[in-house]
């Protein structure tokens, strides 16, 4: 499954869960899909390079939302793993 397909699925699931889809959220999803980030700080540093207005709290909230909806799994790194619905 391509990164674009994963992103579309994630955005669809977030909408179903009542989340607004903002440019910052899209940016964070892109970073998580593209890079293997080991922590929220690393995600934040990459996001802040592209959007200096993004805050650390935004990153933590987004990662928490992705974890709670089952869209992201944290083992040693944050990765978006294909779920059965994606396969």
PDB file of N, CA and C in Angstrom:
ATOM      1  N   UNK A   1       0.845  -1.181   0.000  1.00  0.00           N
ATOM      2  CA  UNK A   1       0.000   0.000   0.000  1.00  0.00           C
ATOM      3  C   UNK A   1       0.887   1.240   0.000  1.00  0.00           C
ATOM      4  N   UNK A   2       0.544   2.171  -0.829  1.00  0.00           N
ATOM      5  CA  UNK A   2       1.355   3.383  -0.950  1.00  0.00           C
ATOM      6  C   UNK A   2       1.121   4.325   0.235  1.00  0.00           C
ATOM      7  N   UNK A   3       2.042   5.248   0.397  1.00  0.00           N
ATOM      8  CA  UNK A   3       1.925   6.237   1.476  1.00  0.00           C
ATOM      9  C   UNK A   3       0.674   7.092   1.276  1.00  0.00           C
ATOM     10  N   UNK A   4       0.347   7.401   0.027  1.00  0.00           N
ATOM     11  CA  UNK A   4      -0.848   8.212  -0.247  1.00  0.00           C
ATOM     12  C   UNK A   4      -2.117   7.466   0.159  1.00  0.00           C
ATOM     13  N   UNK A   5      -2.154   6.159  -0.117  1.00  0.00           N
ATOM     14  CA  UNK A   5      -3.314   5.354   0.285  1.00  0.00           C
ATOM     15  C   UNK A   5      -3.440   5.303   1.806  1.00  0.00           C
ATOM     16  N   UNK A   6      -2.307   5.133   2.485  1.00  0.00           N
ATOM     17  CA  UNK A   6      -2.313   5.118   3.951  1.00  0.00           C
ATOM     18  C   UNK A   6      -2.800   6.454   4.494  1.00  0.00           C
ATOM     19  N   UNK A   7      -2.292   7.526   3.906  1.00  0.00           N
ATOM     20  CA  UNK A   7      -2.686   8.864   4.369  1.00  0.00           C
ATOM     21  C   UNK A   7      -4.184   9.071   4.180  1.00  0.00           C
ATOM     22  N   UNK A   8      -4.710   8.685   3.019  1.00  0.00           N
ATOM     23  CA  UNK A   8      -6.142   8.840   2.747  1.00  0.00           C
ATOM     24  C   UNK A   8      -6.968   8.047   3.759  1.00  0.00           C
ATOM     25  N   UNK A   9      -6.527   6.833   4.060  1.00  0.00           N
ATOM     26  CA  UNK A   9      -7.234   6.004   5.030  1.00  0.00           C
ATOM     27  C   UNK A   9      -7.207   6.648   6.421  1.00  0.00           C
ATOM     28  N   UNK A  10      -6.051   7.136   6.821  1.00  0.00           N
ATOM     29  CA  UNK A  10      -5.910   7.768   8.134  1.00  0.00           C
ATOM     30  C   UNK A  10      -6.811   8.990   8.241  1.00  0.00           C
ATOM     31  N   UNK A  11      -6.802   9.829   7.220  1.00  0.00           N
ATOM     32  CA  UNK A  11      -7.645  11.030   7.237  1.00  0.00           C
ATOM     33  C   UNK A  11      -9.119  10.647   7.313  1.00  0.00           C
ATOM     34  N   UNK A  12      -9.501   9.616   6.581  1.00  0.00           N
ATOM     35  CA  UNK A  12     -10.883   9.139   6.612  1.00  0.00           C
ATOM     36  C   UNK A  12     -11.262   8.669   8.014  1.00  0.00           C
ATOM     37  N   UNK A  13     -10.380   7.906   8.652  1.00  0.00           N
ATOM     38  CA  UNK A  13     -10.651   7.406  10.001  1.00  0.00           C
ATOM     39  C   UNK A  13     -10.718   8.547  11.013  1.00  0.00           C
ATOM     40  N   UNK A  14      -9.833   9.529  10.877  1.00  0.00           N
ATOM     41  CA  UNK A  14      -9.863  10.677  11.791  1.00  0.00           C
ATOM     42  C   UNK A  14     -11.181  11.434  11.653  1.00  0.00           C
ATOM     43  N   UNK A  15     -11.637  11.614  10.406  1.00  0.00           N
ATOM     44  CA  UNK A  15     -12.922  12.290  10.184  1.00  0.00           C
ATOM     45  C   UNK A  15     -14.063  11.516  10.832  1.00  0.00           C
ATOM     46  N   UNK A  16     -14.026  10.176  10.679  1.00  0.00           N
ATOM     47  CA  UNK A  16     -15.071   9.344  11.282  1.00  0.00           C
ATOM     48  C   UNK A  16     -15.096   9.491  12.794  1.00  0.00           C
ATOM     49  N   UNK A  17     -13.936   9.764  13.392  1.00  0.00           N
ATOM     50  CA  UNK A  17     -13.837   9.927  14.843  1.00  0.00           C
ATOM     51  C   UNK A  17     -14.047  11.374  15.278  1.00  0.00           C
ATOM     52  N   UNK A  18     -14.474  12.217  14.363  1.00  0.00           N
ATOM     53  CA  UNK A  18     -14.824  13.589  14.714  1.00  0.00           C
ATOM     54  C   UNK A  18     -13.667  14.568  14.751  1.00  0.00           C
ATOM     55  N   UNK A  19     -12.518  14.201  14.207  1.00  0.00           N
ATOM     56  CA  UNK A  19     -11.358  15.099  14.198  1.00  0.00           C
ATOM     57  C   UNK A  19     -11.415  16.019  12.980  1.00  0.00           C
ATOM     58  N   UNK A  20     -11.080  17.254  13.215  1.00  0.00           N
ATOM     59  CA  UNK A  20     -10.912  18.181  12.092  1.00  0.00           C
ATOM     60  C   UNK A  20      -9.608  17.845  11.398  1.00  0.00           C
ATOM     61  N   UNK A  21      -9.586  18.003  10.108  1.00  0.00           N
ATOM     62  CA  UNK A  21      -8.373  17.725   9.344  1.00  0.00           C
ATOM     63  C   UNK A  21      -7.718  19.069   9.019  1.00  0.00           C
ATOM     64  N   UNK A  22      -6.675  19.369   9.766  1.00  0.00           N
ATOM     65  CA  UNK A  22      -5.966  20.636   9.592  1.00  0.00           C
ATOM     66  C   UNK A  22      -4.676  20.405   8.814  1.00  0.00           C
ATOM     67  N   UNK A  23      -4.107  21.492   8.341  1.00  0.00           N
ATOM     68  CA  UNK A  23      -2.829  21.383   7.628  1.00  0.00           C
ATOM     69  C   UNK A  23      -1.736  20.840   8.542  1.00  0.00           C
ATOM     70  N   UNK A  24      -1.765  21.213   9.810  1.00  0.00           N
ATOM     71  CA  UNK A  24      -0.759  20.705  10.748  1.00  0.00           C
ATOM     72  C   UNK A  24      -0.904  19.204  10.952  1.00  0.00           C
ATOM     73  N   UNK A  25      -2.126  18.720  11.050  1.00  0.00           N
ATOM     74  CA  UNK A  25      -2.328  17.284  11.191  1.00  0.00           C
ATOM     75  C   UNK A  25      -1.853  16.542   9.947  1.00  0.00           C
ATOM     76  N   UNK A  26      -2.148  17.086   8.783  1.00  0.00           N
ATOM     77  CA  UNK A  26      -1.679  16.473   7.537  1.00  0.00           C
ATOM     78  C   UNK A  26      -0.152  16.427   7.503  1.00  0.00           C
ATOM     79  N   UNK A  27       0.475  17.505   7.933  1.00  0.00           N
ATOM     80  CA  UNK A  27       1.937  17.562   7.968  1.00  0.00           C
ATOM     81  C   UNK A  27       2.504  16.490   8.893  1.00  0.00           C
ATOM     82  N   UNK A  28       1.916  16.336  10.057  1.00  0.00           N
ATOM     83  CA  UNK A  28       2.394  15.333  11.009  1.00  0.00           C
ATOM     84  C   UNK A  28       2.224  13.919  10.460  1.00  0.00           C
ATOM     85  N   UNK A  29       1.118  13.664   9.810  1.00  0.00           N
ATOM     86  CA  UNK A  29       0.908  12.347   9.198  1.00  0.00           C
ATOM     87  C   UNK A  29       1.959  12.093   8.125  1.00  0.00           C
ATOM     88  N   UNK A  30       2.237  13.104   7.307  1.00  0.00           N
ATOM     89  CA  UNK A  30       3.264  12.962   6.264  1.00  0.00           C
ATOM     90  C   UNK A  30       4.622  12.623   6.874  1.00  0.00           C
ATOM     91  N   UNK A  31       4.972  13.294   7.950  1.00  0.00           N
ATOM     92  CA  UNK A  31       6.268  13.062   8.595  1.00  0.00           C
ATOM     93  C   UNK A  31       6.334  11.647   9.162  1.00  0.00           C
ATOM     94  N   UNK A  32       5.278  11.215   9.820  1.00  0.00           N
ATOM     95  CA  UNK A  32       5.272   9.870  10.394  1.00  0.00           C
ATOM     96  C   UNK A  32       5.328   8.812   9.301  1.00  0.00           C
ATOM     97  N   UNK A  33       4.622   9.035   8.206  1.00  0.00           N
ATOM     98  CA  UNK A  33       4.636   8.072   7.105  1.00  0.00           C
ATOM     99  C   UNK A  33       5.992   8.025   6.407  1.00  0.00           C
ATOM    100  N   UNK A  34       6.607   9.180   6.271  1.00  0.00           N
ATOM    101  CA  UNK A  34       7.856   9.273   5.511  1.00  0.00           C
ATOM    102  C   UNK A  34       9.069   8.815   6.307  1.00  0.00           C
ATOM    103  N   UNK A  35       9.138   9.201   7.557  1.00  0.00           N
ATOM    104  CA  UNK A  35      10.326   8.966   8.367  1.00  0.00           C
ATOM    105  C   UNK A  35      10.028   8.013   9.506  1.00  0.00           C
ATOM    106  N   UNK A  36      11.046   7.352   9.960  1.00  0.00           N
ATOM    107  CA  UNK A  36      10.917   6.499  11.131  1.00  0.00           C
ATOM    108  C   UNK A  36      11.334   7.321  12.347  1.00  0.00           C
ATOM    109  N   UNK A  37      10.350   7.820  13.031  1.00  0.00           N
ATOM    110  CA  UNK A  37      10.594   8.701  14.166  1.00  0.00           C
ATOM    111  C   UNK A  37      10.549   7.888  15.457  1.00  0.00           C
ATOM    112  N   UNK A  38      11.498   8.139  16.322  1.00  0.00           N
ATOM    113  CA  UNK A  38      11.556   7.357  17.560  1.00  0.00           C
ATOM    114  C   UNK A  38      10.841   8.042  18.712  1.00  0.00           C
ATOM    115  N   UNK A  39      10.510   9.329  18.569  1.00  0.00           N
ATOM    116  CA  UNK A  39       9.827  10.013  19.663  1.00  0.00           C
ATOM    117  C   UNK A  39       9.091  11.244  19.137  1.00  0.00           C
ATOM    118  N   UNK A  40       8.225  11.776  19.979  1.00  0.00           N
ATOM    119  CA  UNK A  40       7.451  12.958  19.599  1.00  0.00           C
ATOM    120  C   UNK A  40       8.340  14.164  19.343  1.00  0.00           C
ATOM    121  N   UNK A  41       9.436  14.283  20.095  1.00  0.00           N
ATOM    122  CA  UNK A  41      10.339  15.416  19.892  1.00  0.00           C
ATOM    123  C   UNK A  41      10.920  15.402  18.485  1.00  0.00           C
ATOM    124  N   UNK A  42      11.282  14.222  18.021  1.00  0.00           N
ATOM    125  CA  UNK A  42      11.837  14.105  16.681  1.00  0.00           C
ATOM    126  C   UNK A  42      10.799  14.505  15.629  1.00  0.00           C
ATOM    127  N   UNK A  43       9.563  14.064  15.834  1.00  0.00           N
ATOM    128  CA  UNK A  43       8.479  14.460  14.926  1.00  0.00           C
ATOM    129  C   UNK A  43       8.322  15.978  14.968  1.00  0.00           C
ATOM    130  N   UNK A  44       8.343  16.529  16.178  1.00  0.00           N
ATOM    131  CA  UNK A  44       8.198  17.981  16.350  1.00  0.00           C
ATOM    132  C   UNK A  44       9.295  18.751  15.621  1.00  0.00           C
ATOM    133  N   UNK A  45      10.552  18.340  15.776  1.00  0.00           N
ATOM    134  CA  UNK A  45      11.656  19.055  15.138  1.00  0.00           C
ATOM    135  C   UNK A  45      11.511  19.059  13.623  1.00  0.00           C
ATOM    136  N   UNK A  46      11.090  17.944  13.068  1.00  0.00           N
ATOM    137  CA  UNK A  46      10.903  17.887  11.616  1.00  0.00           C
ATOM    138  C   UNK A  46       9.721  18.744  11.181  1.00  0.00           C
ATOM    139  N   UNK A  47       8.654  18.718  11.963  1.00  0.00           N
ATOM    140  CA  UNK A  47       7.470  19.510  11.632  1.00  0.00           C
ATOM    141  C   UNK A  47       7.753  21.007  11.762  1.00  0.00           C
ATOM    142  N   UNK A  48       8.497  21.389  12.790  1.00  0.00           N
ATOM    143  CA  UNK A  48       8.784  22.808  13.028  1.00  0.00           C
ATOM    144  C   UNK A  48       9.628  23.415  11.902  1.00  0.00           C
ATOM    145  N   UNK A  49      10.429  22.587  11.236  1.00  0.00           N
ATOM    146  CA  UNK A  49      11.197  23.088  10.094  1.00  0.00           C
ATOM    147  C   UNK A  49      10.270  23.513   8.957  1.00  0.00           C
ATOM    148  N   UNK A  50       9.161  22.808   8.822  1.00  0.00           N
ATOM    149  CA  UNK A  50       8.217  23.091   7.737  1.00  0.00           C
ATOM    150  C   UNK A  50       7.130  24.071   8.148  1.00  0.00           C
ATOM    151  N   UNK A  51       6.782  24.065   9.429  1.00  0.00           N
ATOM    152  CA  UNK A  51       5.747  24.963   9.943  1.00  0.00           C
ATOM    153  C   UNK A  51       6.157  25.430  11.339  1.00  0.00           C
ATOM    154  N   UNK A  52       6.833  26.582  11.418  1.00  0.00           N
ATOM    155  CA  UNK A  52       7.320  27.068  12.718  1.00  0.00           C
ATOM    156  C   UNK A  52       6.220  27.354  13.742  1.00  0.00           C
ATOM    157  N   UNK A  53       4.968  27.455  13.287  1.00  0.00           N
ATOM    158  CA  UNK A  53       3.886  27.753  14.224  1.00  0.00           C
ATOM    159  C   UNK A  53       3.387  26.507  14.959  1.00  0.00           C
ATOM    160  N   UNK A  54       3.839  25.332  14.552  1.00  0.00           N
ATOM    161  CA  UNK A  54       3.372  24.100  15.199  1.00  0.00           C
ATOM    162  C   UNK A  54       3.985  23.985  16.595  1.00  0.00           C
ATOM    163  N   UNK A  55       3.191  23.516  17.527  1.00  0.00           N
ATOM    164  CA  UNK A  55       3.663  23.394  18.907  1.00  0.00           C
ATOM    165  C   UNK A  55       3.885  21.950  19.303  1.00  0.00           C
ATOM    166  N   UNK A  56       4.691  21.762  20.309  1.00  0.00           N
ATOM    167  CA  UNK A  56       4.974  20.421  20.824  1.00  0.00           C
ATOM    168  C   UNK A  56       3.686  19.746  21.289  1.00  0.00           C
ATOM    169  N   UNK A  57       2.800  20.511  21.913  1.00  0.00           N
ATOM    170  CA  UNK A  57       1.535  19.941  22.399  1.00  0.00           C
ATOM    171  C   UNK A  57       0.697  19.401  21.246  1.00  0.00           C
ATOM    172  N   UNK A  58       0.744  20.065  20.103  1.00  0.00           N
ATOM    173  CA  UNK A  58       0.013  19.594  18.925  1.00  0.00           C
ATOM    174  C   UNK A  58       0.515  18.221  18.504  1.00  0.00           C
ATOM    175  N   UNK A  59       1.820  18.037  18.531  1.00  0.00           N
ATOM    176  CA  UNK A  59       2.413  16.754  18.152  1.00  0.00           C
ATOM    177  C   UNK A  59       1.969  15.671  19.137  1.00  0.00           C
ATOM    178  N   UNK A  60       2.078  15.940  20.426  1.00  0.00           N
ATOM    179  CA  UNK A  60       1.681  14.953  21.429  1.00  0.00           C
ATOM    180  C   UNK A  60       0.199  14.599  21.308  1.00  0.00           C
ATOM    181  N   UNK A  61      -0.652  15.596  21.102  1.00  0.00           N
ATOM    182  CA  UNK A  61      -2.090  15.336  20.959  1.00  0.00           C
ATOM    183  C   UNK A  61      -2.377  14.489  19.728  1.00  0.00           C
ATOM    184  N   UNK A  62      -1.695  14.798  18.625  1.00  0.00           N
ATOM    185  CA  UNK A  62      -1.928  14.053  17.390  1.00  0.00           C
ATOM    186  C   UNK A  62      -1.472  12.611  17.534  1.00  0.00           C
ATOM    187  N   UNK A  63      -0.309  12.397  18.118  1.00  0.00           N
ATOM    188  CA  UNK A  63       0.197  11.029  18.322  1.00  0.00           C
ATOM    189  C   UNK A  63      -0.753  10.265  19.246  1.00  0.00           C
ATOM    190  N   UNK A  64      -1.230  10.917  20.297  1.00  0.00           N
ATOM    191  CA  UNK A  64      -2.176  10.279  21.215  1.00  0.00           C
ATOM    192  C   UNK A  64      -3.469   9.908  20.484  1.00  0.00           C
ATOM    193  N   UNK A  65      -3.971  10.796  19.657  1.00  0.00           N
ATOM    194  CA  UNK A  65      -5.180  10.524  18.881  1.00  0.00           C
ATOM    195  C   UNK A  65      -4.972   9.342  17.944  1.00  0.00           C
ATOM    196  N   UNK A  66      -3.834   9.309  17.265  1.00  0.00           N
ATOM    197  CA  UNK A  66      -3.536   8.202  16.353  1.00  0.00           C
ATOM    198  C   UNK A  66      -3.416   6.880  17.116  1.00  0.00           C
ATOM    199  N   UNK A  67      -2.826   6.923  18.308  1.00  0.00           N
ATOM    200  CA  UNK A  67      -2.707   5.707  19.123  1.00  0.00           C
ATOM    201  C   UNK A  67      -4.076   5.237  19.605  1.00  0.00           C
ATOM    202  N   UNK A  68      -4.900   6.173  20.069  1.00  0.00           N
ATOM    203  CA  UNK A  68      -6.218   5.821  20.600  1.00  0.00           C
ATOM    204  C   UNK A  68      -7.144   5.256  19.530  1.00  0.00           C
ATOM    205  N   UNK A  69      -6.994   5.702  18.302  1.00  0.00           N
ATOM    206  CA  UNK A  69      -7.835   5.209  17.212  1.00  0.00           C
ATOM    207  C   UNK A  69      -7.251   3.962  16.557  1.00  0.00           C
ATOM    208  N   UNK A  70      -6.097   3.531  17.047  1.00  0.00           N
ATOM    209  CA  UNK A  70      -5.480   2.316  16.526  1.00  0.00           C
ATOM    210  C   UNK A  70      -4.774   2.493  15.200  1.00  0.00           C
ATOM    211  N   UNK A  71      -4.504   3.730  14.822  1.00  0.00           N
ATOM    212  CA  UNK A  71      -3.872   4.013  13.533  1.00  0.00           C
ATOM    213  C   UNK A  71      -2.355   4.017  13.604  1.00  0.00           C
ATOM    214  N   UNK A  72      -1.838   4.068  14.797  1.00  0.00           N
ATOM    215  CA  UNK A  72      -0.387   4.097  14.971  1.00  0.00           C
ATOM    216  C   UNK A  72      -0.034   3.158  16.113  1.00  0.00           C
ATOM    217  N   UNK A  73       1.117   2.547  15.995  1.00  0.00           N
ATOM    218  CA  UNK A  73       1.589   1.670  17.050  1.00  0.00           C
ATOM    219  C   UNK A  73       2.991   2.088  17.433  1.00  0.00           C
ATOM    220  N   UNK A  74       3.228   2.140  18.722  1.00  0.00           N
ATOM    221  CA  UNK A  74       4.558   2.515  19.187  1.00  0.00           C
ATOM    222  C   UNK A  74       5.225   1.284  19.765  1.00  0.00           C
ATOM    223  N   UNK A  75       6.298   0.924  19.153  1.00  0.00           N
ATOM    224  CA  UNK A  75       7.133  -0.130  19.717  1.00  0.00           C
ATOM    225  C   UNK A  75       8.423   0.572  20.082  1.00  0.00           C
ATOM    226  N   UNK A  76       9.355   0.638  19.182  1.00  0.00           N
ATOM    227  CA  UNK A  76      10.555   1.437  19.400  1.00  0.00           C
ATOM    228  C   UNK A  76      10.497   2.725  18.590  1.00  0.00           C
ATOM    229  N   UNK A  77       9.612   2.750  17.610  1.00  0.00           N
ATOM    230  CA  UNK A  77       9.466   3.925  16.766  1.00  0.00           C
ATOM    231  C   UNK A  77       7.988   4.099  16.450  1.00  0.00           C
ATOM    232  N   UNK A  78       7.621   5.307  16.066  1.00  0.00           N
ATOM    233  CA  UNK A  78       6.261   5.540  15.625  1.00  0.00           C
ATOM    234  C   UNK A  78       6.189   5.158  14.164  1.00  0.00           C
ATOM    235  N   UNK A  79       5.344   4.198  13.873  1.00  0.00           N
ATOM    236  CA  UNK A  79       5.147   3.760  12.500  1.00  0.00           C
ATOM    237  C   UNK A  79       3.665   3.538  12.299  1.00  0.00           C
ATOM    238  N   UNK A  80       3.221   3.851  11.130  1.00  0.00           N
ATOM    239  CA  UNK A  80       1.850   3.552  10.789  1.00  0.00           C
ATOM    240  C   UNK A  80       1.871   2.175  10.144  1.00  0.00           C
ATOM    241  N   UNK A  81       1.310   1.223  10.867  1.00  0.00           N
ATOM    242  CA  UNK A  81       1.311  -0.156  10.422  1.00  0.00           C
ATOM    243  C   UNK A  81       0.027  -0.426   9.645  1.00  0.00           C
ATOM    244  N   UNK A  82       0.123  -1.209   8.582  1.00  0.00           N
ATOM    245  CA  UNK A  82      -1.102  -1.570   7.871  1.00  0.00           C
ATOM    246  C   UNK A  82      -2.013  -2.380   8.795  1.00  0.00           C
ATOM    247  N   UNK A  83      -3.254  -1.988   8.857  1.00  0.00           N
ATOM    248  CA  UNK A  83      -4.222  -2.721   9.645  1.00  0.00           C
ATOM    249  C   UNK A  83      -5.008  -3.600   8.696  1.00  0.00           C
ATOM    250  N   UNK A  84      -5.786  -4.507   9.214  1.00  0.00           N
ATOM    251  CA  UNK A  84      -6.520  -5.443   8.386  1.00  0.00           C
ATOM    252  C   UNK A  84      -7.397  -4.723   7.377  1.00  0.00           C
ATOM    253  N   UNK A  85      -7.975  -3.594   7.751  1.00  0.00           N
ATOM    254  CA  UNK A  85      -8.842  -2.860   6.842  1.00  0.00           C
ATOM    255  C   UNK A  85      -8.063  -2.306   5.647  1.00  0.00           C
ATOM    256  N   UNK A  86      -6.779  -2.082   5.833  1.00  0.00           N
ATOM    257  CA  UNK A  86      -5.953  -1.547   4.754  1.00  0.00           C
ATOM    258  C   UNK A  86      -5.500  -2.642   3.800  1.00  0.00           C
ATOM    259  N   UNK A  87      -5.373  -3.840   4.298  1.00  0.00           N
ATOM    260  CA  UNK A  87      -4.806  -4.923   3.494  1.00  0.00           C
ATOM    261  C   UNK A  87      -5.720  -5.418   2.413  1.00  0.00           C
TER     262      UNK A  87
END
